[in-house]
PDB file of N, CA and C in Angstrom:
ATOM      1  N   MET A   1     -94.246  56.941-102.742  1.00  0.00           N
ATOM      2  CA  MET A   1     -93.727  58.185-102.102  1.00  0.00           C
ATOM      3  C   MET A   1     -92.916  58.980-103.088  1.00  0.00           C
ATOM      4  N   THR A   2     -93.188  60.292-103.132  1.00  0.00           N
ATOM      5  CA  THR A   2     -92.450  61.226-104.009  1.00  0.00           C
ATOM      6  C   THR A   2     -91.279  61.820-103.182  1.00  0.00           C
ATOM      7  N   ILE A   3     -90.083  61.841-103.740  1.00  0.00           N
ATOM      8  CA  ILE A   3     -88.876  62.402-103.082  1.00  0.00           C
ATOM      9  C   ILE A   3     -88.347  63.514-103.928  1.00  0.00           C
ATOM     10  N   ASN A   4     -88.383  64.770-103.334  1.00  0.00           N
ATOM     11  CA  ASN A   4     -87.856  65.909-104.058  1.00  0.00           C
ATOM     12  C   ASN A   4     -86.553  66.281-103.348  1.00  0.00           C
ATOM     13  N   ILE A   5     -85.505  66.382-104.107  1.00  0.00           N
ATOM     14  CA  ILE A   5     -84.184  66.760-103.541  1.00  0.00           C
ATOM     15  C   ILE A   5     -83.812  68.164-104.159  1.00  0.00           C
ATOM     16  N   GLN A   6     -83.494  69.073-103.229  1.00  0.00           N
ATOM     17  CA  GLN A   6     -83.144  70.418-103.649  1.00  0.00           C
ATOM     18  C   GLN A   6     -81.766  70.760-103.114  1.00  0.00           C
ATOM     19  N   SER A   7     -80.828  71.167-103.916  1.00  0.00           N
ATOM     20  CA  SER A   7     -79.553  71.679-103.376  1.00  0.00           C
ATOM     21  C   SER A   7     -79.502  73.103-103.609  1.00  0.00           C
ATOM     22  N   VAL A   8     -79.227  73.844-102.541  1.00  0.00           N
ATOM     23  CA  VAL A   8     -79.212  75.312-102.607  1.00  0.00           C
ATOM     24  C   VAL A   8     -77.794  75.823-102.877  1.00  0.00           C
ATOM     25  N   HIS A   9     -77.665  76.561-103.930  1.00  0.00           N
ATOM     26  CA  HIS A   9     -76.418  77.247-104.380  1.00  0.00           C
ATOM     27  C   HIS A   9     -75.242  76.274-104.754  1.00  0.00           C
ATOM     28  N   PHE A  10     -75.594  75.055-105.099  1.00  0.00           N
ATOM     29  CA  PHE A  10     -74.636  74.170-105.649  1.00  0.00           C
ATOM     30  C   PHE A  10     -75.403  72.978-106.335  1.00  0.00           C
ATOM     31  N   ASP A  11     -74.744  72.218-107.165  1.00  0.00           N
ATOM     32  CA  ASP A  11     -75.348  71.065-107.846  1.00  0.00           C
ATOM     33  C   ASP A  11     -74.937  69.782-107.157  1.00  0.00           C
ATOM     34  N   ALA A  12     -75.841  69.049-106.643  1.00  0.00           N
ATOM     35  CA  ALA A  12     -75.529  67.770-106.045  1.00  0.00           C
ATOM     36  C   ALA A  12     -75.201  66.753-107.110  1.00  0.00           C
ATOM     37  N   ASP A  13     -74.121  65.910-106.951  1.00  0.00           N
ATOM     38  CA  ASP A  13     -73.853  64.961-107.996  1.00  0.00           C
ATOM     39  C   ASP A  13     -74.821  63.742-107.881  1.00  0.00           C
ATOM     40  N   LYS A  14     -74.795  62.947-108.889  1.00  0.00           N
ATOM     41  CA  LYS A  14     -75.712  61.793-108.994  1.00  0.00           C
ATOM     42  C   LYS A  14     -75.520  60.805-107.855  1.00  0.00           C
ATOM     43  N   LYS A  15     -74.258  60.591-107.444  1.00  0.00           N
ATOM     44  CA  LYS A  15     -73.962  59.661-106.396  1.00  0.00           C
ATOM     45  C   LYS A  15     -74.654  60.114-105.002  1.00  0.00           C
ATOM     46  N   LEU A  16     -74.550  61.401-104.775  1.00  0.00           N
ATOM     47  CA  LEU A  16     -75.173  61.928-103.521  1.00  0.00           C
ATOM     48  C   LEU A  16     -76.691  61.865-103.646  1.00  0.00           C
ATOM     49  N   ILE A  17     -77.254  62.112-104.800  1.00  0.00           N
ATOM     50  CA  ILE A  17     -78.712  62.088-104.966  1.00  0.00           C
ATOM     51  C   ILE A  17     -79.196  60.662-104.802  1.00  0.00           C
ATOM     52  N   ASP A  18     -78.473  59.710-105.428  1.00  0.00           N
ATOM     53  CA  ASP A  18     -78.787  58.254-105.285  1.00  0.00           C
ATOM     54  C   ASP A  18     -78.727  57.766-103.787  1.00  0.00           C
ATOM     55  N   PHE A  19     -77.681  58.288-103.148  1.00  0.00           N
ATOM     56  CA  PHE A  19     -77.587  57.921-101.701  1.00  0.00           C
ATOM     57  C   PHE A  19     -78.726  58.357-100.890  1.00  0.00           C
ATOM     58  N   ILE A  20     -79.143  59.682-101.102  1.00  0.00           N
ATOM     59  CA  ILE A  20     -80.256  60.230-100.351  1.00  0.00           C
ATOM     60  C   ILE A  20     -81.534  59.556-100.724  1.00  0.00           C
ATOM     61  N   ASN A  21     -81.796  59.272-102.012  1.00  0.00           N
ATOM     62  CA  ASN A  21     -83.006  58.539-102.388  1.00  0.00           C
ATOM     63  C   ASN A  21     -83.072  57.227-101.660  1.00  0.00           C
ATOM     64  N   ASP A  22     -81.994  56.380-101.646  1.00  0.00           N
ATOM     65  CA  ASP A  22     -81.974  55.112-101.006  1.00  0.00           C
ATOM     66  C   ASP A  22     -82.283  55.252 -99.483  1.00  0.00           C
ATOM     67  N   LYS A  23     -81.637  56.196 -98.813  1.00  0.00           N
ATOM     68  CA  LYS A  23     -81.879  56.427 -97.411  1.00  0.00           C
ATOM     69  C   LYS A  23     -83.288  56.709 -97.110  1.00  0.00           C
ATOM     70  N   VAL A  24     -83.843  57.706 -97.843  1.00  0.00           N
ATOM     71  CA  VAL A  24     -85.230  58.219 -97.548  1.00  0.00           C
ATOM     72  C   VAL A  24     -86.285  57.132 -97.883  1.00  0.00           C
ATOM     73  N   LYS A  25     -86.030  56.381 -99.041  1.00  0.00           N
ATOM     74  CA  LYS A  25     -86.986  55.248 -99.307  1.00  0.00           C
ATOM     75  C   LYS A  25     -87.024  54.221 -98.220  1.00  0.00           C
ATOM     76  N   LYS A  26     -85.895  53.954 -97.595  1.00  0.00           N
ATOM     77  CA  LYS A  26     -85.928  52.919 -96.493  1.00  0.00           C
ATOM     78  C   LYS A  26     -86.772  53.370 -95.319  1.00  0.00           C
ATOM     79  N   LEU A  27     -87.010  54.660 -95.139  1.00  0.00           N
ATOM     80  CA  LEU A  27     -87.841  55.146 -94.055  1.00  0.00           C
ATOM     81  C   LEU A  27     -89.286  54.709 -94.223  1.00  0.00           C
ATOM     82  N   ASN A  28     -89.697  54.409 -95.409  1.00  0.00           N
ATOM     83  CA  ASN A  28     -91.062  53.999 -95.772  1.00  0.00           C
ATOM     84  C   ASN A  28     -91.388  52.679 -95.050  1.00  0.00           C
ATOM     85  N   THR A  29     -90.356  51.834 -94.681  1.00  0.00           N
ATOM     86  CA  THR A  29     -90.529  50.525 -94.052  1.00  0.00           C
ATOM     87  C   THR A  29     -91.033  50.763 -92.587  1.00  0.00           C
ATOM     88  N   TYR A  30     -90.759  51.946 -92.025  1.00  0.00           N
ATOM     89  CA  TYR A  30     -91.166  52.188 -90.600  1.00  0.00           C
ATOM     90  C   TYR A  30     -92.581  52.748 -90.503  1.00  0.00           C
ATOM     91  N   TYR A  31     -93.037  53.488 -91.580  1.00  0.00           N
ATOM     92  CA  TYR A  31     -94.334  54.029 -91.571  1.00  0.00           C
ATOM     93  C   TYR A  31     -94.757  54.206 -93.046  1.00  0.00           C
ATOM     94  N   GLU A  32     -95.783  53.457 -93.493  1.00  0.00           N
ATOM     95  CA  GLU A  32     -96.177  53.417 -94.869  1.00  0.00           C
ATOM     96  C   GLU A  32     -96.990  54.638 -95.312  1.00  0.00           C
ATOM     97  N   GLY A  33     -97.368  55.513 -94.424  1.00  0.00           N
ATOM     98  CA  GLY A  33     -98.296  56.606 -94.716  1.00  0.00           C
ATOM     99  C   GLY A  33     -97.618  57.836 -95.322  1.00  0.00           C
ATOM    100  N   ILE A  34     -96.353  57.734 -95.570  1.00  0.00           N
ATOM    101  CA  ILE A  34     -95.650  58.922 -96.100  1.00  0.00           C
ATOM    102  C   ILE A  34     -96.025  59.138 -97.610  1.00  0.00           C
ATOM    103  N   ILE A  35     -96.419  60.420 -97.904  1.00  0.00           N
ATOM    104  CA  ILE A  35     -96.857  60.774 -99.219  1.00  0.00           C
ATOM    105  C   ILE A  35     -95.697  61.407-100.004  1.00  0.00           C
ATOM    106  N   THR A  36     -95.106  62.462 -99.385  1.00  0.00           N
ATOM    107  CA  THR A  36     -94.004  63.144-100.033  1.00  0.00           C
ATOM    108  C   THR A  36     -92.848  63.371 -99.032  1.00  0.00           C
ATOM    109  N   SER A  37     -91.655  63.440 -99.666  1.00  0.00           N
ATOM    110  CA  SER A  37     -90.450  63.802 -98.802  1.00  0.00           C
ATOM    111  C   SER A  37     -89.750  64.925 -99.551  1.00  0.00           C
ATOM    112  N   GLU A  38     -89.297  65.940 -98.810  1.00  0.00           N
ATOM    113  CA  GLU A  38     -88.546  67.059 -99.403  1.00  0.00           C
ATOM    114  C   GLU A  38     -87.220  67.056 -98.669  1.00  0.00           C
ATOM    115  N   VAL A  39     -86.154  66.937 -99.447  1.00  0.00           N
ATOM    116  CA  VAL A  39     -84.821  66.974 -98.931  1.00  0.00           C
ATOM    117  C   VAL A  39     -84.135  68.288 -99.384  1.00  0.00           C
ATOM    118  N   THR A  40     -83.618  69.107 -98.469  1.00  0.00           N
ATOM    119  CA  THR A  40     -82.960  70.315 -98.869  1.00  0.00           C
ATOM    120  C   THR A  40     -81.530  70.232 -98.367  1.00  0.00           C
ATOM    121  N   LEU A  41     -80.582  70.460 -99.291  1.00  0.00           N
ATOM    122  CA  LEU A  41     -79.179  70.395 -98.936  1.00  0.00           C
ATOM    123  C   LEU A  41     -78.623  71.864 -99.028  1.00  0.00           C
ATOM    124  N   LYS A  42     -77.935  72.249 -97.955  1.00  0.00           N
ATOM    125  CA  LYS A  42     -77.436  73.633 -97.929  1.00  0.00           C
ATOM    126  C   LYS A  42     -75.980  73.636 -97.439  1.00  0.00           C
ATOM    127  N   LEU A  43     -75.276  74.668 -97.802  1.00  0.00           N
ATOM    128  CA  LEU A  43     -73.917  74.901 -97.255  1.00  0.00           C
ATOM    129  C   LEU A  43     -73.998  76.066 -96.334  1.00  0.00           C
ATOM    130  N   ASP A  44     -73.541  75.822 -95.133  1.00  0.00           N
ATOM    131  CA  ASP A  44     -73.507  76.949 -94.091  1.00  0.00           C
ATOM    132  C   ASP A  44     -72.290  77.748 -94.425  1.00  0.00           C
ATOM    133  N   LYS A  45     -72.388  79.095 -94.276  1.00  0.00           N
ATOM    134  CA  LYS A  45     -71.284  79.942 -94.633  1.00  0.00           C
ATOM    135  C   LYS A  45     -70.248  80.046 -93.506  1.00  0.00           C
ATOM    136  N   ASN A  46     -70.424  79.348 -92.386  1.00  0.00           N
ATOM    137  CA  ASN A  46     -69.403  79.458 -91.359  1.00  0.00           C
ATOM    138  C   ASN A  46     -68.107  78.775 -91.749  1.00  0.00           C
ATOM    139  N   SER A  47     -67.043  79.073 -91.066  1.00  0.00           N
ATOM    140  CA  SER A  47     -65.730  78.636 -91.488  1.00  0.00           C
ATOM    141  C   SER A  47     -65.389  77.201 -91.021  1.00  0.00           C
ATOM    142  N   ASN A  48     -66.061  76.620 -90.118  1.00  0.00           N
ATOM    143  CA  ASN A  48     -65.598  75.273 -89.708  1.00  0.00           C
ATOM    144  C   ASN A  48     -65.948  74.248 -90.718  1.00  0.00           C
ATOM    145  N   ASN A  49     -65.445  73.025 -90.529  1.00  0.00           N
ATOM    146  CA  ASN A  49     -65.626  71.944 -91.549  1.00  0.00           C
ATOM    147  C   ASN A  49     -67.018  71.414 -91.576  1.00  0.00           C
ATOM    148  N   GLU A  50     -67.785  71.453 -90.490  1.00  0.00           N
ATOM    149  CA  GLU A  50     -69.083  70.932 -90.430  1.00  0.00           C
ATOM    150  C   GLU A  50     -70.106  71.973 -91.003  1.00  0.00           C
ATOM    151  N   ASN A  51     -70.048  72.165 -92.296  1.00  0.00           N
ATOM    152  CA  ASN A  51     -70.911  73.188 -92.916  1.00  0.00           C
ATOM    153  C   ASN A  51     -71.921  72.657 -93.876  1.00  0.00           C
ATOM    154  N   LYS A  52     -72.124  71.381 -93.886  1.00  0.00           N
ATOM    155  CA  LYS A  52     -73.130  70.750 -94.782  1.00  0.00           C
ATOM    156  C   LYS A  52     -74.379  70.449 -93.971  1.00  0.00           C
ATOM    157  N   ILE A  53     -75.497  70.965 -94.452  1.00  0.00           N
ATOM    158  CA  ILE A  53     -76.764  70.843 -93.774  1.00  0.00           C
ATOM    159  C   ILE A  53     -77.713  70.028 -94.666  1.00  0.00           C
ATOM    160  N   ALA A  54     -78.371  69.028 -93.982  1.00  0.00           N
ATOM    161  CA  ALA A  54     -79.451  68.273 -94.628  1.00  0.00           C
ATOM    162  C   ALA A  54     -80.738  68.401 -93.894  1.00  0.00           C
ATOM    163  N   GLU A  55     -81.736  68.851 -94.544  1.00  0.00           N
ATOM    164  CA  GLU A  55     -83.070  68.987 -93.931  1.00  0.00           C
ATOM    165  C   GLU A  55     -84.030  68.035 -94.638  1.00  0.00           C
ATOM    166  N   ILE A  56     -84.717  67.283 -93.888  1.00  0.00           N
ATOM    167  CA  ILE A  56     -85.738  66.328 -94.526  1.00  0.00           C
ATOM    168  C   ILE A  56     -87.040  66.583 -93.882  1.00  0.00           C
ATOM    169  N   LYS A  57     -88.062  66.831 -94.790  1.00  0.00           N
ATOM    170  CA  LYS A  57     -89.377  67.045 -94.293  1.00  0.00           C
ATOM    171  C   LYS A  57     -90.251  65.912 -95.019  1.00  0.00           C
ATOM    172  N   MET A  58     -90.966  65.192 -94.189  1.00  0.00           N
ATOM    173  CA  MET A  58     -91.841  64.112 -94.737  1.00  0.00           C
ATOM    174  C   MET A  58     -93.248  64.462 -94.407  1.00  0.00           C
ATOM    175  N   ASN A  59     -94.106  64.299 -95.334  1.00  0.00           N
ATOM    176  CA  ASN A  59     -95.561  64.558 -95.171  1.00  0.00           C
ATOM    177  C   ASN A  59     -96.362  63.274 -95.246  1.00  0.00           C
ATOM    178  N   SER A  60     -97.222  63.084 -94.320  1.00  0.00           N
ATOM    179  CA  SER A  60     -98.188  62.007 -94.320  1.00  0.00           C
ATOM    180  C   SER A  60     -99.577  62.653 -94.150  1.00  0.00           C
ATOM    181  N   LYS A  61    -100.608  61.857 -94.227  1.00  0.00           N
ATOM    182  CA  LYS A  61    -101.915  62.387 -94.007  1.00  0.00           C
ATOM    183  C   LYS A  61    -102.061  62.976 -92.643  1.00  0.00           C
ATOM    184  N   GLY A  62    -102.179  64.326 -92.608  1.00  0.00           N
ATOM    185  CA  GLY A  62    -102.403  64.972 -91.332  1.00  0.00           C
ATOM    186  C   GLY A  62    -101.225  65.113 -90.394  1.00  0.00           C
ATOM    187  N   HIS A  63     -99.992  64.770 -90.818  1.00  0.00           N
ATOM    188  CA  HIS A  63     -98.832  64.850 -89.960  1.00  0.00           C
ATOM    189  C   HIS A  63     -97.578  65.165 -90.793  1.00  0.00           C
ATOM    190  N   GLU A  64     -96.673  65.932 -90.171  1.00  0.00           N
ATOM    191  CA  GLU A  64     -95.424  66.266 -90.829  1.00  0.00           C
ATOM    192  C   GLU A  64     -94.239  65.850 -89.946  1.00  0.00           C
ATOM    193  N   PHE A  65     -93.302  65.272 -90.488  1.00  0.00           N
ATOM    194  CA  PHE A  65     -92.033  64.844 -89.782  1.00  0.00           C
ATOM    195  C   PHE A  65     -90.929  65.739 -90.341  1.00  0.00           C
ATOM    196  N   PHE A  66     -89.965  66.094 -89.421  1.00  0.00           N
ATOM    197  CA  PHE A  66     -88.878  66.986 -89.867  1.00  0.00           C
ATOM    198  C   PHE A  66     -87.628  66.690 -89.083  1.00  0.00           C
ATOM    199  N   ALA A  67     -86.548  66.693 -89.812  1.00  0.00           N
ATOM    200  CA  ALA A  67     -85.242  66.545 -89.156  1.00  0.00           C
ATOM    201  C   ALA A  67     -84.218  67.419 -89.911  1.00  0.00           C
ATOM    202  N   LYS A  68     -83.294  68.010 -89.180  1.00  0.00           N
ATOM    203  CA  LYS A  68     -82.271  68.791 -89.805  1.00  0.00           C
ATOM    204  C   LYS A  68     -80.948  68.574 -89.036  1.00  0.00           C
ATOM    205  N   LYS A  69     -79.912  68.234 -89.774  1.00  0.00           N
ATOM    206  CA  LYS A  69     -78.646  67.975 -89.161  1.00  0.00           C
ATOM    207  C   LYS A  69     -77.540  68.662 -89.946  1.00  0.00           C
ATOM    208  N   GLN A  70     -76.460  69.048 -89.240  1.00  0.00           N
ATOM    209  CA  GLN A  70     -75.345  69.712 -89.884  1.00  0.00           C
ATOM    210  C   GLN A  70     -74.081  68.920 -89.537  1.00  0.00           C
ATOM    211  N   CYS A  71     -73.362  68.531 -90.591  1.00  0.00           N
ATOM    212  CA  CYS A  71     -72.167  67.684 -90.383  1.00  0.00           C
ATOM    213  C   CYS A  71     -71.086  68.057 -91.431  1.00  0.00           C
ATOM    214  N   ALA A  72     -69.981  67.268 -91.375  1.00  0.00           N
ATOM    215  CA  ALA A  72     -68.891  67.554 -92.347  1.00  0.00           C
ATOM    216  C   ALA A  72     -69.169  67.084 -93.732  1.00  0.00           C
ATOM    217  N   SER A  73     -70.156  66.106 -93.955  1.00  0.00           N
ATOM    218  CA  SER A  73     -70.536  65.696 -95.266  1.00  0.00           C
ATOM    219  C   SER A  73     -72.047  65.608 -95.375  1.00  0.00           C
ATOM    220  N   PHE A  74     -72.540  65.751 -96.594  1.00  0.00           N
ATOM    221  CA  PHE A  74     -73.984  65.616 -96.810  1.00  0.00           C
ATOM    222  C   PHE A  74     -74.409  64.191 -96.452  1.00  0.00           C
ATOM    223  N   GLU A  75     -73.560  63.203 -96.759  1.00  0.00           N
ATOM    224  CA  GLU A  75     -73.961  61.799 -96.449  1.00  0.00           C
ATOM    225  C   GLU A  75     -74.199  61.617 -94.932  1.00  0.00           C
ATOM    226  N   GLU A  76     -73.274  62.167 -94.154  1.00  0.00           N
ATOM    227  CA  GLU A  76     -73.353  62.030 -92.691  1.00  0.00           C
ATOM    228  C   GLU A  76     -74.598  62.771 -92.195  1.00  0.00           C
ATOM    229  N   ALA A  77     -74.846  63.979 -92.712  1.00  0.00           N
ATOM    230  CA  ALA A  77     -76.014  64.745 -92.284  1.00  0.00           C
ATOM    231  C   ALA A  77     -77.303  64.091 -92.661  1.00  0.00           C
ATOM    232  N   THR A  78     -77.328  63.465 -93.860  1.00  0.00           N
ATOM    233  CA  THR A  78     -78.494  62.711 -94.326  1.00  0.00           C
ATOM    234  C   THR A  78     -78.708  61.466 -93.404  1.00  0.00           C
ATOM    235  N   ASP A  79     -77.617  60.751 -93.077  1.00  0.00           N
ATOM    236  CA  ASP A  79     -77.686  59.602 -92.217  1.00  0.00           C
ATOM    237  C   ASP A  79     -78.368  59.972 -90.842  1.00  0.00           C
ATOM    238  N   LEU A  80     -77.817  61.011 -90.228  1.00  0.00           N
ATOM    239  CA  LEU A  80     -78.359  61.460 -88.922  1.00  0.00           C
ATOM    240  C   LEU A  80     -79.742  61.886 -89.011  1.00  0.00           C
ATOM    241  N   SER A  81     -80.123  62.626 -90.059  1.00  0.00           N
ATOM    242  CA  SER A  81     -81.502  63.083 -90.199  1.00  0.00           C
ATOM    243  C   SER A  81     -82.406  61.871 -90.358  1.00  0.00           C
ATOM    244  N   CYS A  82     -81.987  60.916 -91.120  1.00  0.00           N
ATOM    245  CA  CYS A  82     -82.868  59.719 -91.357  1.00  0.00           C
ATOM    246  C   CYS A  82     -83.042  58.958 -89.996  1.00  0.00           C
ATOM    247  N   ASP A  83     -81.929  58.838 -89.214  1.00  0.00           N
ATOM    248  CA  ASP A  83     -82.035  58.264 -87.896  1.00  0.00           C
ATOM    249  C   ASP A  83     -83.081  58.974 -87.024  1.00  0.00           C
ATOM    250  N   ALA A  84     -83.053  60.263 -87.013  1.00  0.00           N
ATOM    251  CA  ALA A  84     -83.964  61.025 -86.238  1.00  0.00           C
ATOM    252  C   ALA A  84     -85.416  60.795 -86.732  1.00  0.00           C
ATOM    253  N   LEU A  85     -85.566  60.774 -88.063  1.00  0.00           N
ATOM    254  CA  LEU A  85     -86.925  60.574 -88.640  1.00  0.00           C
ATOM    255  C   LEU A  85     -87.396  59.167 -88.335  1.00  0.00           C
ATOM    256  N   LYS A  86     -86.440  58.212 -88.321  1.00  0.00           N
ATOM    257  CA  LYS A  86     -86.848  56.837 -88.070  1.00  0.00           C
ATOM    258  C   LYS A  86     -87.503  56.688 -86.645  1.00  0.00           C
ATOM    259  N   SER A  87     -86.959  57.340 -85.675  1.00  0.00           N
ATOM    260  CA  SER A  87     -87.581  57.257 -84.352  1.00  0.00           C
ATOM    261  C   SER A  87     -88.866  58.036 -84.303  1.00  0.00           C
ATOM    262  N   GLN A  88     -88.902  59.172 -85.039  1.00  0.00           N
ATOM    263  CA  GLN A  88     -90.240  59.911 -85.122  1.00  0.00           C
ATOM    264  C   GLN A  88     -91.318  59.039 -85.749  1.00  0.00           C
ATOM    265  N   LEU A  89     -90.958  58.375 -86.831  1.00  0.00           N
ATOM    266  CA  LEU A  89     -91.934  57.558 -87.497  1.00  0.00           C
ATOM    267  C   LEU A  89     -92.394  56.347 -86.709  1.00  0.00           C
ATOM    268  N   LYS A  90     -91.395  55.746 -86.011  1.00  0.00           N
ATOM    269  CA  LYS A  90     -91.761  54.579 -85.100  1.00  0.00           C
ATOM    270  C   LYS A  90     -92.720  55.028 -83.971  1.00  0.00           C
ATOM    271  N   LYS A  91     -92.399  56.125 -83.385  1.00  0.00           N
ATOM    272  CA  LYS A  91     -93.217  56.643 -82.290  1.00  0.00           C
ATOM    273  C   LYS A  91     -94.663  56.975 -82.857  1.00  0.00           C
ATOM    274  N   HIS A  92     -94.756  57.574 -83.975  1.00  0.00           N
ATOM    275  CA  HIS A  92     -96.002  57.990 -84.585  1.00  0.00           C
ATOM    276  C   HIS A  92     -96.866  56.665 -84.891  1.00  0.00           C
ATOM    277  N   LYS A  93     -96.198  55.660 -85.453  1.00  0.00           N
ATOM    278  CA  LYS A  93     -96.883  54.453 -85.834  1.00  0.00           C
ATOM    279  C   LYS A  93     -97.407  53.717 -84.511  1.00  0.00           C
ATOM    280  N   GLU A  94     -96.520  53.739 -83.467  1.00  0.00           N
ATOM    281  CA  GLU A  94     -97.021  53.119 -82.186  1.00  0.00           C
ATOM    282  C   GLU A  94     -98.184  53.820 -81.589  1.00  0.00           C
ATOM    283  N   LYS A  95     -98.156  55.176 -81.746  1.00  0.00           N
ATOM    284  CA  LYS A  95     -99.292  55.977 -81.239  1.00  0.00           C
ATOM    285  C   LYS A  95    -100.559  55.678 -81.927  1.00  0.00           C
ATOM    286  N   ILE A  96    -100.484  55.473 -83.271  1.00  0.00           N
ATOM    287  CA  ILE A  96    -101.656  55.186 -84.084  1.00  0.00           C
ATOM    288  C   ILE A  96    -102.151  53.793 -83.690  1.00  0.00           C
ATOM    289  N   GLN A  97    -101.247  52.818 -83.576  1.00  0.00           N
ATOM    290  CA  GLN A  97    -101.652  51.404 -83.290  1.00  0.00           C
ATOM    291  C   GLN A  97    -102.294  51.298 -81.902  1.00  0.00           C
ATOM    292  N   SER A  98    -101.837  52.119 -80.999  1.00  0.00           N
ATOM    293  CA  SER A  98    -102.365  51.985 -79.602  1.00  0.00           C
ATOM    294  C   SER A  98    -103.751  52.565 -79.436  1.00  0.00           C
ATOM    295  N   HIS A  99    -104.178  53.333 -80.430  1.00  0.00           N
ATOM    296  CA  HIS A  99    -105.559  53.919 -80.360  1.00  0.00           C
ATOM    297  C   HIS A  99    -106.584  53.067 -80.924  1.00  0.00           C
TER     298      HIS A  99
END
């Protein structure tokens, strides 16, 4: 699986990139058909503390999975996005196996 991480209007540090890579790689255990993953990190311009956005798009053969979360830290947003993707991947795998 190829993982592309893009940070918009800032540079993500190595620790954050490693954290995201580890999290996204673990999703492969729920569904092996993932070909590419694109992670986009953005800062929302609003004034509250929860201005960090993580968007994760995963592509498999004929299907796309997507999750977007906004939190106080990129790590938390990535965590929640991965949780959402985990349930999407599990449902998709069950659907495939039941056919």
